[in-house]
Amino acid sequence: MPVSKRWLLLLMSAFALTAGVARGGLPLSGSKVLERAAGHGRLGQKQKHVNPRLIHRYRAATWHWQALMGAVRTHRPIRPSTRKVLRFWVGAAGRAYIRAIHPPHKGAWLCIHRYEGSWRDSGDPYWGGLQMDRGFMSGYAPRYLLRRGLADRWSPLEQMWVAERAYRTGRGFYAWPNTARFCGLI
């Protein structure tokens, strides 16, 4: 599977575990959520240690979404590999995922996108749904540019967070002067 789909599946499972929702839609108790996440036996069994690989997966998922948002990484030791540490990282992954799918100015970015182009627009000199040029991409998302290519290969969420980084540096919506006026943002 491509990396983005794998991360999405991992974080959707983290979100489901964090929210405590079973397959049938019935709520799970906290201990059942941890049992399901840790892959351990029945509810009556008390097991202190969990698989460290599982903790690593949730920590990596947390750090992935925090990097997307430009947030500082959450740090907590993963040893000893206990249920408490697993609970922490499952919760952190769920919270990071929820924050990542709701950029602060999401409505504004969607309005700008409506006037700019499709999310997969590959027309030179502007790419993506927010029509980013090479200078914009190299300035606000150099790692995405190196790893994934131009903005037309990024997910819509990644494009919005890169635009959010530009907004936070003081550029505001002035990088999109005409469409921001159409949307009533400037």
Protein backbone atom coordinates (compact mmCIF):
# COMPACT_ATOMS: atom_id res chain seq x y z
CA MET A 1 0.00 0.00 0.00
CA PRO A 2 1.20 3.55 -0.59
CA VAL A 3 2.39 5.33 2.52
CA SER A 4 -0.53 7.74 2.68
CA LYS A 5 -3.15 4.96 2.61
CA ARG A 6 -1.27 3.00 5.27
CA TRP A 7 -1.15 6.06 7.54
CA LEU A 8 -4.80 6.76 6.95
CA LEU A 9 -5.78 3.18 7.86
CA LEU A 10 -3.59 3.25 10.95
CA LEU A 11 -5.01 6.54 12.14
CA MET A 12 -8.57 5.61 11.40
CA SER A 13 -8.06 2.56 13.62
CA ALA A 14 -6.46 4.81 16.26
CA PHE A 15 -9.42 7.14 16.04
CA ALA A 16 -11.88 4.26 16.34
CA LEU A 17 -9.98 2.86 19.31
CA THR A 18 -9.72 6.26 20.94
CA ALA A 19 -13.40 6.95 20.44
CA GLY A 20 -14.12 3.50 21.85
CA VAL A 21 -16.41 2.31 19.09
CA ALA A 22 -16.71 -1.39 18.34
CA ARG A 23 -17.42 -2.83 14.90
CA GLY A 24 -21.10 -3.05 15.61
CA GLY A 25 -21.25 0.53 16.80
CA LEU A 26 -21.47 -0.42 20.48
CA PRO A 27 -19.26 1.53 22.86
CA LEU A 28 -16.32 -0.29 24.40
CA SER A 29 -15.04 0.13 27.91
CA GLY A 30 -11.53 1.50 28.32
CA SER A 31 -10.07 -1.89 29.18
CA LYS A 32 -11.69 -3.52 26.15
CA VAL A 33 -10.24 -0.81 23.90
CA LEU A 34 -6.78 -1.51 25.25
CA GLU A 35 -7.26 -5.27 24.95
CA ARG A 36 -8.29 -4.91 21.34
CA ALA A 37 -5.38 -2.55 20.65
CA ALA A 38 -2.87 -4.77 22.40
CA GLY A 39 -4.27 -7.98 20.96
CA HIS A 40 -4.48 -9.65 24.35
CA GLY A 41 -6.88 -12.22 25.69
CA ARG A 42 -10.03 -11.90 27.75
CA LEU A 43 -11.13 -9.01 29.87
CA GLY A 44 -10.39 -10.82 33.12
CA GLN A 45 -6.70 -11.21 32.36
CA LYS A 46 -4.49 -8.47 33.70
CA GLN A 47 -1.43 -8.08 31.52
CA LYS A 48 1.00 -5.30 32.25
CA HIS A 49 3.20 -5.42 29.17
CA VAL A 50 2.09 -4.86 25.59
CA ASN A 51 3.78 -5.30 22.25
CA PRO A 52 6.33 -2.45 21.84
CA ARG A 53 5.78 -2.46 18.06
CA LEU A 54 2.20 -1.36 18.62
CA ILE A 55 3.37 1.54 20.75
CA HIS A 56 5.88 2.48 18.05
CA ARG A 57 3.10 2.47 15.42
CA TYR A 58 0.89 4.83 17.41
CA ARG A 59 3.83 7.08 18.24
CA ALA A 60 4.78 7.24 14.55
CA ALA A 61 1.18 8.00 13.63
CA THR A 62 1.07 10.79 16.21
CA TRP A 63 4.30 12.30 14.94
CA HIS A 64 3.13 12.06 11.31
CA TRP A 65 0.02 14.16 11.97
CA GLN A 66 1.93 16.59 14.18
CA ALA A 67 4.49 17.10 11.41
CA LEU A 68 1.68 17.78 8.96
CA MET A 69 0.29 20.49 11.24
CA GLY A 70 3.71 21.92 12.05
CA ALA A 71 3.19 21.11 15.73
CA VAL A 72 5.90 20.17 18.21
CA ARG A 73 6.37 16.42 18.64
CA THR A 74 4.90 14.81 21.72
CA HIS A 75 7.59 13.08 23.75
CA ARG A 76 7.10 10.34 26.26
CA PRO A 77 9.27 7.30 26.89
CA ILE A 78 7.94 4.07 25.42
CA ARG A 79 9.69 1.83 27.89
CA PRO A 80 8.45 0.08 29.87
CA SER A 81 5.90 -1.10 27.34
CA THR A 82 2.85 -0.99 29.58
CA ARG A 83 -0.84 -0.49 29.00
CA LYS A 84 -0.55 3.02 30.39
CA VAL A 85 2.03 3.98 27.75
CA LEU A 86 -0.10 2.37 25.03
CA ARG A 87 -3.15 4.28 26.29
CA PHE A 88 -1.16 7.52 26.13
CA TRP A 89 -0.02 6.98 22.51
CA VAL A 90 -3.43 5.77 21.31
CA GLY A 91 -4.99 8.90 22.79
CA ALA A 92 -2.25 11.14 21.37
CA ALA A 93 -2.71 9.65 17.90
CA GLY A 94 -6.46 10.16 18.05
CA ARG A 95 -6.14 13.76 19.22
CA ALA A 96 -3.50 14.56 16.58
CA TYR A 97 -5.69 13.01 13.87
CA ILE A 98 -8.73 15.03 14.94
CA ARG A 99 -6.73 18.27 14.96
CA ALA A 100 -5.14 17.46 11.60
CA ILE A 101 -8.39 16.86 9.74
CA HIS A 102 -9.76 20.22 10.89
CA PRO A 103 -7.34 22.98 9.81
CA PRO A 104 -8.14 26.32 11.47
CA HIS A 105 -9.24 28.05 8.24
CA LYS A 106 -10.61 25.01 6.43
CA GLY A 107 -13.69 26.83 5.11
CA ALA A 108 -11.51 29.60 3.69
CA TRP A 109 -9.18 27.11 1.97
CA LEU A 110 -12.13 25.25 0.49
CA CYS A 111 -13.56 28.52 -0.84
CA ILE A 112 -10.20 29.47 -2.40
CA HIS A 113 -9.96 25.98 -3.89
CA ARG A 114 -13.41 26.37 -5.44
CA TYR A 115 -12.14 29.28 -7.56
CA GLU A 116 -8.58 28.05 -8.16
CA GLY A 117 -8.67 24.51 -9.58
CA SER A 118 -8.87 20.81 -8.83
CA TRP A 119 -6.72 19.26 -6.13
CA ARG A 120 -4.85 17.31 -8.82
CA ASP A 121 -4.28 20.27 -11.16
CA SER A 122 -0.83 19.82 -12.69
CA GLY A 123 -0.72 22.87 -14.95
CA ASP A 124 2.57 24.71 -15.00
CA PRO A 125 3.42 27.16 -13.23
CA TYR A 126 0.81 26.48 -10.51
CA TRP A 127 -0.07 23.10 -8.98
CA GLY A 128 -2.75 21.69 -6.73
CA GLY A 129 -6.10 22.92 -5.55
CA LEU A 130 -4.64 26.09 -4.04
CA GLN A 131 -2.45 26.82 -7.08
CA MET A 132 0.97 26.82 -5.42
CA ASP A 133 4.06 27.70 -7.43
CA ARG A 134 7.52 26.20 -6.93
CA GLY A 135 8.74 29.05 -4.74
CA PHE A 136 5.72 28.77 -2.46
CA MET A 137 6.11 25.01 -2.15
CA SER A 138 9.85 25.14 -1.51
CA GLY A 139 9.36 27.89 1.07
CA TYR A 140 6.53 26.35 3.08
CA ALA A 141 6.79 22.61 2.40
CA PRO A 142 10.33 21.68 1.34
CA ARG A 143 10.06 18.15 2.72
CA TYR A 144 6.81 17.44 0.89
CA LEU A 145 8.33 18.83 -2.28
CA LEU A 146 11.36 16.54 -1.97
CA ARG A 147 9.48 13.41 -0.90
CA ARG A 148 6.21 13.60 -2.76
CA GLY A 149 6.80 15.95 -5.66
CA LEU A 150 4.68 18.93 -6.62
CA ALA A 151 1.43 19.91 -4.88
CA ASP A 152 -0.78 18.04 -7.34
CA ARG A 153 0.48 14.82 -5.72
CA TRP A 154 -0.34 15.92 -2.18
CA SER A 155 -3.62 15.20 -0.48
CA PRO A 156 -6.09 18.09 -0.12
CA LEU A 157 -5.45 18.08 3.63
CA GLU A 158 -1.70 18.43 3.11
CA GLN A 159 -2.24 21.30 0.67
CA MET A 160 -4.45 23.09 3.20
CA TRP A 161 -1.89 22.71 5.98
CA VAL A 162 0.89 24.08 3.76
CA ALA A 163 -1.34 27.06 2.99
CA GLU A 164 -2.03 27.38 6.72
CA ARG A 165 1.72 27.58 7.35
CA ALA A 166 1.92 30.46 4.87
CA TYR A 167 -1.03 32.13 6.57
CA ARG A 168 0.63 31.83 9.99
CA THR A 169 3.87 33.46 8.80
CA GLY A 170 1.98 36.68 8.19
CA ARG A 171 1.09 36.36 4.52
CA GLY A 172 -2.54 35.83 5.38
CA PHE A 173 -4.74 35.18 2.37
CA TYR A 174 -2.79 37.67 0.23
CA ALA A 175 -1.00 34.84 -1.59
CA TRP A 176 -4.37 34.33 -3.35
CA PRO A 177 -5.42 37.96 -3.93
CA ASN A 178 -8.28 37.54 -6.42
CA THR A 179 -9.88 34.42 -5.04
CA ALA A 180 -9.55 35.66 -1.46
CA ARG A 181 -11.48 38.76 -2.50
CA PHE A 182 -14.16 36.60 -4.13
CA CYS A 183 -14.45 34.67 -0.88
CA GLY A 184 -14.54 37.86 1.22
CA LEU A 185 -11.32 37.06 3.06
CA ILE A 186 -9.47 40.32 2.20
